[in-house]
Protein backbone atom coordinates (compact mmCIF):
# COMPACT_ATOMS: atom_id res chain seq x y z
CA UNK A 1 149.61 -67.69 98.91
CA UNK A 2 153.29 -67.73 99.34
CA UNK A 3 154.87 -64.82 101.19
CA UNK A 4 156.90 -64.07 97.90
CA UNK A 5 154.05 -63.99 95.79
CA UNK A 6 152.27 -61.68 98.10
CA UNK A 7 155.22 -59.20 98.10
CA UNK A 8 155.29 -59.19 94.23
CA UNK A 9 151.42 -58.62 94.47
CA UNK A 10 151.65 -55.65 96.62
CA UNK A 11 154.57 -54.47 94.85
CA UNK A 12 152.55 -54.59 91.52
CA UNK A 13 149.71 -52.84 92.98
CA UNK A 14 152.12 -49.90 94.22
CA UNK A 15 153.56 -49.87 90.63
CA UNK A 16 149.93 -49.35 89.07
CA UNK A 17 148.82 -47.08 91.77
CA UNK A 18 151.52 -44.62 90.55
CA UNK A 19 150.62 -45.11 86.97
CA UNK A 20 147.08 -44.19 87.74
CA UNK A 21 148.13 -41.33 89.91
CA UNK A 22 150.03 -39.93 87.01
CA UNK A 23 147.05 -40.19 84.95
CA UNK A 24 145.03 -38.45 87.47
CA UNK A 25 147.41 -35.45 87.82
CA UNK A 26 145.75 -32.41 88.94
CA UNK A 27 142.81 -33.92 90.42
CA UNK A 28 141.78 -34.97 94.17
CA UNK A 29 142.26 -38.60 92.79
CA UNK A 30 146.05 -38.14 92.31
CA UNK A 31 146.91 -37.85 95.97
CA UNK A 32 144.26 -40.77 96.70
CA UNK A 33 146.22 -43.28 94.47
CA UNK A 34 149.63 -41.92 95.40
CA UNK A 35 148.94 -42.63 99.21
CA UNK A 36 147.38 -45.90 98.11
CA UNK A 37 150.74 -46.88 96.42
CA UNK A 38 152.66 -45.79 99.61
CA UNK A 39 149.95 -48.39 101.68
CA UNK A 40 151.01 -51.07 99.30
CA UNK A 41 154.70 -50.53 99.80
CA UNK A 42 154.13 -50.83 103.52
CA UNK A 43 152.14 -54.14 103.12
CA UNK A 44 155.04 -55.40 100.87
CA UNK A 45 157.38 -54.53 103.23
CA UNK A 46 155.45 -56.64 105.98
CA UNK A 47 155.73 -59.57 103.74
CA UNK A 48 159.61 -58.91 103.02
CA UNK A 49 159.85 -59.37 106.93
CA UNK A 50 157.89 -62.49 106.55
CA UNK A 51 160.41 -63.77 104.15
CA UNK A 52 163.51 -62.71 106.27
CA UNK A 53 162.07 -64.78 109.21
CA UNK A 54 161.97 -67.74 106.84
CA UNK A 55 165.56 -67.05 105.59
CA UNK A 56 163.93 -66.71 101.88
CA UNK A 57 165.77 -64.46 99.63
CA UNK A 58 164.07 -60.93 98.89
CA UNK A 59 164.55 -59.45 95.45
CA UNK A 60 166.43 -56.33 95.31
CA UNK A 61 164.02 -54.33 93.38
CA UNK A 62 160.53 -55.25 91.72
CA UNK A 63 160.39 -55.87 88.10
CA UNK A 64 156.70 -55.31 86.76
CA UNK A 65 155.61 -58.61 84.88
CA UNK A 66 154.17 -58.75 81.45
CA UNK A 67 150.55 -58.61 82.87
CA UNK A 68 151.36 -55.50 84.90
CA UNK A 69 153.12 -53.94 81.91
CA UNK A 70 149.96 -54.31 79.76
CA UNK A 71 147.76 -53.09 82.39
CA UNK A 72 149.94 -50.07 82.81
CA UNK A 73 149.62 -49.34 78.96
CA UNK A 74 146.03 -49.58 79.07
CA UNK A 75 145.89 -47.22 81.81
CA UNK A 76 147.85 -44.65 79.74
CA UNK A 77 146.04 -45.35 76.63
CA UNK A 78 142.49 -45.66 77.95
CA UNK A 79 142.38 -44.17 81.34
CA UNK A 80 141.71 -45.90 84.64
CA UNK A 81 137.96 -45.23 84.54
CA UNK A 82 137.48 -47.25 81.27
CA UNK A 83 139.23 -50.25 82.68
CA UNK A 84 137.97 -50.50 86.21
CA UNK A 85 137.07 -54.13 85.92
CA UNK A 86 140.58 -54.91 84.78
CA UNK A 87 141.95 -53.26 87.55
CA UNK A 88 139.68 -54.63 90.08
CA UNK A 89 140.83 -58.15 88.93
CA UNK A 90 144.37 -57.25 89.78
CA UNK A 91 143.76 -56.02 93.36
CA UNK A 92 143.51 -52.35 92.48
CA UNK A 93 141.68 -50.51 95.26
CA UNK A 94 139.58 -47.09 95.37
CA UNK A 95 137.83 -47.60 92.19
CA UNK A 96 134.41 -46.63 93.77
CA UNK A 97 135.83 -42.79 92.97
CA UNK A 98 134.75 -43.45 89.43
CA UNK A 99 131.33 -44.43 90.40
CA UNK A 100 130.20 -40.75 90.11
CA UNK A 101 129.48 -39.91 93.72
CA UNK A 102 131.04 -37.09 95.53
CA UNK A 103 130.40 -35.41 98.81
CA UNK A 104 128.24 -32.48 97.31
CA UNK A 105 125.97 -35.11 95.90
CA UNK A 106 125.88 -38.07 97.92
CA UNK A 107 125.97 -38.51 101.71
CA UNK A 108 128.82 -40.43 103.14
CA UNK A 109 127.57 -43.90 104.60
CA UNK A 110 127.13 -44.41 108.32
CA UNK A 111 125.45 -47.74 108.64
CA UNK A 112 125.62 -50.94 106.45
CA UNK A 113 122.50 -50.07 104.70
CA UNK A 114 123.73 -46.69 103.83
CA UNK A 115 126.72 -48.32 102.23
CA UNK A 116 124.58 -50.23 99.63
CA UNK A 117 121.82 -47.95 99.19
CA UNK A 118 123.01 -46.12 96.04
CA UNK A 119 124.12 -49.27 94.54
CA UNK A 120 120.63 -50.96 95.13
CA UNK A 121 118.76 -48.18 93.84
CA UNK A 122 119.93 -48.50 90.03
CA UNK A 123 121.06 -52.26 90.08
CA UNK A 124 119.68 -54.89 87.83
CA UNK A 125 120.06 -58.60 87.95
CA UNK A 126 122.34 -60.64 85.40
CA UNK A 127 118.73 -62.43 84.76
CA UNK A 128 116.88 -59.03 83.69
CA UNK A 129 119.66 -58.04 81.64
CA UNK A 130 120.33 -61.33 79.78
CA UNK A 131 116.34 -61.32 79.21
CA UNK A 132 116.44 -57.86 77.79
CA UNK A 133 119.26 -58.55 75.21
CA UNK A 134 117.88 -62.01 74.56
CA UNK A 135 114.74 -60.66 73.16
CA UNK A 136 116.37 -58.10 71.17
CA UNK A 137 118.98 -60.62 69.68
CA UNK A 138 116.27 -63.12 69.15
CA UNK A 139 113.96 -60.74 67.44
CA UNK A 140 116.76 -59.07 65.10
CA UNK A 141 118.88 -62.28 64.17
CA UNK A 142 115.82 -64.53 63.18
CA UNK A 143 114.41 -61.54 61.49
CA UNK A 144 117.38 -61.36 59.35
CA UNK A 145 117.49 -65.08 59.07
CA UNK A 146 113.93 -65.37 57.69
CA UNK A 147 114.19 -62.35 55.56
CA UNK A 148 117.63 -63.80 53.84
CA UNK A 149 116.32 -67.19 52.96
CA UNK A 150 113.05 -65.64 51.87
CA UNK A 151 114.87 -63.59 49.51
CA UNK A 152 116.72 -66.56 48.10
CA UNK A 153 114.00 -69.08 48.23
CA UNK A 154 110.19 -68.49 48.52
CA UNK A 155 109.63 -72.23 49.43
CA UNK A 156 107.66 -72.33 52.85
CA UNK A 157 109.29 -75.48 54.19
CA UNK A 158 112.93 -73.99 53.68
CA UNK A 159 112.15 -70.87 55.40
CA UNK A 160 110.54 -72.58 58.39
CA UNK A 161 113.21 -75.19 58.76
CA UNK A 162 116.05 -72.78 58.42
CA UNK A 163 114.24 -70.48 60.85
CA UNK A 164 113.58 -73.06 63.51
CA UNK A 165 117.45 -74.12 63.37
CA UNK A 166 118.43 -70.77 63.65
CA UNK A 167 116.33 -70.23 66.75
CA UNK A 168 117.31 -73.09 68.50
CA UNK A 169 121.05 -72.64 67.56
CA UNK A 170 121.04 -69.10 68.62
CA UNK A 171 119.09 -69.69 72.05
CA UNK A 172 121.46 -72.52 73.09
CA UNK A 173 124.52 -70.22 71.96
CA UNK A 174 123.35 -67.08 73.58
CA UNK A 175 122.62 -69.15 76.87
CA UNK A 176 125.87 -70.90 76.91
CA UNK A 177 127.67 -67.58 76.35
CA UNK A 178 125.59 -66.04 79.22
CA UNK A 179 126.51 -68.80 81.59
CA UNK A 180 130.23 -68.69 80.87
CA UNK A 181 130.23 -64.80 80.96
CA UNK A 182 128.36 -64.71 84.22
CA UNK A 183 130.08 -67.60 85.81
CA UNK A 184 133.51 -66.07 84.93
CA UNK A 185 132.71 -62.76 86.46
CA UNK A 186 131.28 -64.10 89.56
CA UNK A 187 134.48 -66.21 90.16
CA UNK A 188 136.47 -62.98 89.58
CA UNK A 189 134.44 -61.05 92.19
CA UNK A 190 134.23 -63.68 94.88
CA UNK A 191 138.01 -64.11 94.57
CA UNK A 192 138.35 -60.41 94.92
CA UNK A 193 136.04 -60.60 97.97
CA UNK A 194 138.06 -63.44 99.21
CA UNK A 195 141.14 -61.65 99.26
CA UNK A 196 139.52 -58.63 101.00
CA UNK A 197 138.21 -60.66 103.63
CA UNK A 198 141.62 -62.31 104.56
CA UNK A 199 143.33 -58.81 104.31
CA UNK A 200 140.79 -57.38 106.55
CA UNK A 201 141.20 -60.14 109.22
CA UNK A 202 145.24 -59.90 109.10
CA UNK A 203 145.62 -56.10 108.69
CA UNK A 204 142.52 -54.29 109.94
CA UNK A 205 144.39 -51.03 110.49
CA UNK A 206 145.96 -50.84 107.16
CA UNK A 207 142.65 -51.50 105.32
CA UNK A 208 141.24 -48.84 107.57
CA UNK A 209 143.77 -46.56 106.32
CA UNK A 210 142.92 -47.15 102.81
CA UNK A 211 139.47 -46.55 103.35
CA UNK A 212 139.99 -43.37 105.01
CA UNK A 213 141.95 -42.07 101.91
CA UNK A 214 139.00 -43.04 99.90
CA UNK A 215 136.87 -40.96 101.99
CA UNK A 216 139.38 -38.09 102.00
CA UNK A 217 139.25 -38.02 98.06
CA UNK A 218 135.48 -37.69 98.35
CA UNK A 219 135.97 -34.52 100.37
CA UNK A 220 136.08 -35.29 104.11
CA UNK A 221 138.97 -34.16 106.08
CA UNK A 222 141.56 -36.36 107.69
CA UNK A 223 140.19 -36.83 111.03
CA UNK A 224 136.62 -37.45 109.88
CA UNK A 225 137.59 -40.01 107.24
CA UNK A 226 139.91 -41.78 109.72
CA UNK A 227 137.18 -42.04 112.35
CA UNK A 228 134.48 -43.06 109.81
CA UNK A 229 136.71 -45.78 108.33
CA UNK A 230 137.40 -47.04 111.75
CA UNK A 231 133.78 -47.26 112.62
CA UNK A 232 133.13 -49.23 109.41
CA UNK A 233 135.85 -51.67 110.08
CA UNK A 234 134.96 -52.31 113.72
CA UNK A 235 132.21 -54.47 112.46
CA UNK A 236 133.66 -57.48 110.34
CA UNK A 237 130.36 -57.66 108.47
CA UNK A 238 130.08 -53.96 107.69
CA UNK A 239 133.94 -53.78 107.26
CA UNK A 240 133.94 -56.39 104.49
CA UNK A 241 130.63 -54.92 102.74
CA UNK A 242 132.11 -51.41 102.75
CA UNK A 243 135.61 -52.43 101.56
CA UNK A 244 134.11 -54.21 98.73
CA UNK A 245 131.89 -51.42 97.51
CA UNK A 246 134.52 -48.77 98.24
CA UNK A 247 137.79 -50.02 97.40
CA UNK A 248 136.71 -52.66 94.66
CA UNK A 249 133.67 -50.86 93.16
CA UNK A 250 131.82 -54.15 93.48
CA UNK A 251 128.13 -54.62 94.96
CA UNK A 252 128.31 -57.99 96.64
CA UNK A 253 124.40 -58.21 96.33
CA UNK A 254 124.44 -58.19 92.72
CA UNK A 255 127.08 -60.76 91.65
CA UNK A 256 124.25 -62.40 89.55
CA UNK A 257 123.44 -66.05 88.96
CA UNK A 258 124.95 -67.61 85.84
CA UNK A 259 122.02 -70.15 85.76
CA UNK A 260 119.49 -67.29 85.98
CA UNK A 261 121.38 -65.43 83.25
CA UNK A 262 121.60 -68.53 80.77
CA UNK A 263 117.82 -69.66 81.51
CA UNK A 264 116.46 -66.10 81.08
CA UNK A 265 118.70 -65.39 77.94
CA UNK A 266 117.49 -68.79 76.37
CA UNK A 267 113.76 -68.38 76.81
CA UNK A 268 113.99 -64.64 75.94
CA UNK A 269 115.79 -65.20 72.71
CA UNK A 270 113.14 -67.94 71.90
CA UNK A 271 110.30 -65.38 72.61
CA UNK A 272 111.88 -62.82 70.60
CA UNK A 273 112.74 -65.01 67.73
CA UNK A 274 109.53 -66.79 67.18
CA UNK A 275 107.84 -63.50 66.36
CA UNK A 276 109.08 -63.48 62.94
CA UNK A 277 108.60 -67.23 62.68
CA UNK A 278 104.90 -67.13 63.90
CA UNK A 279 103.18 -67.21 60.53
CA UNK A 280 105.11 -70.29 59.31
CA UNK A 281 104.83 -71.99 62.73
CA UNK A 282 101.04 -71.68 62.53
CA UNK A 283 100.77 -72.66 58.86
CA UNK A 284 99.68 -69.43 57.39
CA UNK A 285 99.51 -70.00 53.67
CA UNK A 286 98.41 -66.50 52.63
CA UNK A 287 101.24 -63.93 52.47
CA UNK A 288 103.13 -65.29 55.26
CA UNK A 289 106.42 -63.34 54.65
CA UNK A 290 104.22 -59.98 54.75
CA UNK A 291 102.70 -61.26 57.98
CA UNK A 292 106.04 -62.02 59.51
CA UNK A 293 107.19 -58.30 58.28
CA UNK A 294 104.19 -56.65 60.06
CA UNK A 295 104.63 -58.67 63.15
CA UNK A 296 108.34 -58.01 63.27
CA UNK A 297 107.85 -54.36 62.77
CA UNK A 298 105.57 -54.09 65.66
CA UNK A 299 107.53 -55.95 68.06
CA UNK A 300 110.86 -53.98 67.04
CA UNK A 301 109.10 -50.74 67.91
CA UNK A 302 107.64 -52.27 71.17
CA UNK A 303 111.20 -53.58 72.22
CA UNK A 304 112.62 -50.34 71.38
CA UNK A 305 110.21 -48.46 73.37
CA UNK A 306 110.52 -50.84 76.45
CA UNK A 307 114.35 -50.53 76.35
CA UNK A 308 113.76 -46.80 77.22
CA UNK A 309 112.51 -47.79 80.72
CA UNK A 310 116.25 -48.71 81.21
CA UNK A 311 117.96 -45.85 79.31
CA UNK A 312 115.66 -43.18 80.31
CA UNK A 313 115.36 -42.12 76.79
CA UNK A 314 112.12 -41.17 74.97
CA UNK A 315 110.07 -44.24 74.36
CA UNK A 316 108.68 -43.04 70.77
CA UNK A 317 112.34 -42.37 69.68
CA UNK A 318 113.54 -45.56 71.25
CA UNK A 319 110.78 -47.33 69.25
CA UNK A 320 111.42 -45.61 66.04
CA UNK A 321 115.04 -46.25 66.22
CA UNK A 322 114.88 -50.06 66.87
CA UNK A 323 112.40 -50.16 63.93
CA UNK A 324 114.65 -48.31 61.73
CA UNK A 325 117.82 -50.49 62.70
CA UNK A 326 115.82 -53.72 62.55
CA UNK A 327 113.88 -52.96 59.27
CA UNK A 328 117.24 -51.84 57.46
CA UNK A 329 119.21 -54.98 58.56
CA UNK A 330 116.17 -57.33 57.34
CA UNK A 331 116.03 -55.36 54.02
CA UNK A 332 119.87 -55.66 53.52
CA UNK A 333 119.80 -59.46 54.32
CA UNK A 334 116.72 -59.91 52.16
CA UNK A 335 118.62 -58.02 49.22
CA UNK A 336 121.51 -60.11 49.88
CA UNK A 337 119.60 -63.36 49.86
CA UNK A 338 117.72 -62.52 46.64
CA UNK A 339 121.06 -61.70 45.08
CA UNK A 340 122.69 -65.26 46.12
CA UNK A 341 119.53 -66.98 45.20
CA UNK A 342 119.38 -65.39 41.83
CA UNK A 343 123.02 -66.27 41.19
CA UNK A 344 123.04 -69.83 42.62
CA UNK A 345 119.46 -70.79 41.48
């Protein structure tokens, strides 16, 4: 990266740190982001010195670009907590203070295993997330499709053909979307971790100072925070892992696999979507729609109850809620299909 680009990046960070600090007025985080702004200004000064060495003109002052102004507007409107991923993408550090951990409820890390312990405890892979949502989307969307077509036409072949077409289209669409989403997210995270690696190699003391500020915001006194930060930075592997988690708020162990997410989403959507189609796929001639509704109702309840494993909510209430939502969607779609079918046919 050119020295001028690096200077602009550090000045942009300092500008946004001060915006975040203003939003955190009256909290311990206000001082953290104000100090991070000062550290970014110091980094910018180092790049300014590099520009002087190469006789490159240095801007008299920093003018925020459109991207910085948009992010600043979002911070003021929504708050930094709600746009953490956006802030991480433009090199804003200290975001782990929004992870809900504090000195009274979570011990400070002292080893590499300690650094990642809290992240590993509740993390899930991209494949598991994609599978859960894939089953849910496949079940609800194909149910609505079958009900809509059945409301318009009772022809067995029409319902089967439409359902299978929708099943395949939805599965490919979901998997492609998951792949692109996970790939983009992973590339962003890898880019940020790469920047952190380069900065750690070039400016270890400055990185230790930023890390110490985060620990101070968590409740450690200045000397303890500095000593802990220096101990983390002394080991390059531990230092990078710690900075990734504490400054960026990312877990490098859970970046996720785009292909795993895509395949999980594809097969999960197929699995969920086949349930309302099952009577038609098996060639059931006696009341196939009623059988489809019954199977779908049972599946909706089971999926809703299973989701409680991830949400921590009551399984019975989760199952009933999913049944009511899916059932309502199916009933409305059937009514619309019947209305359209009556009008057209």
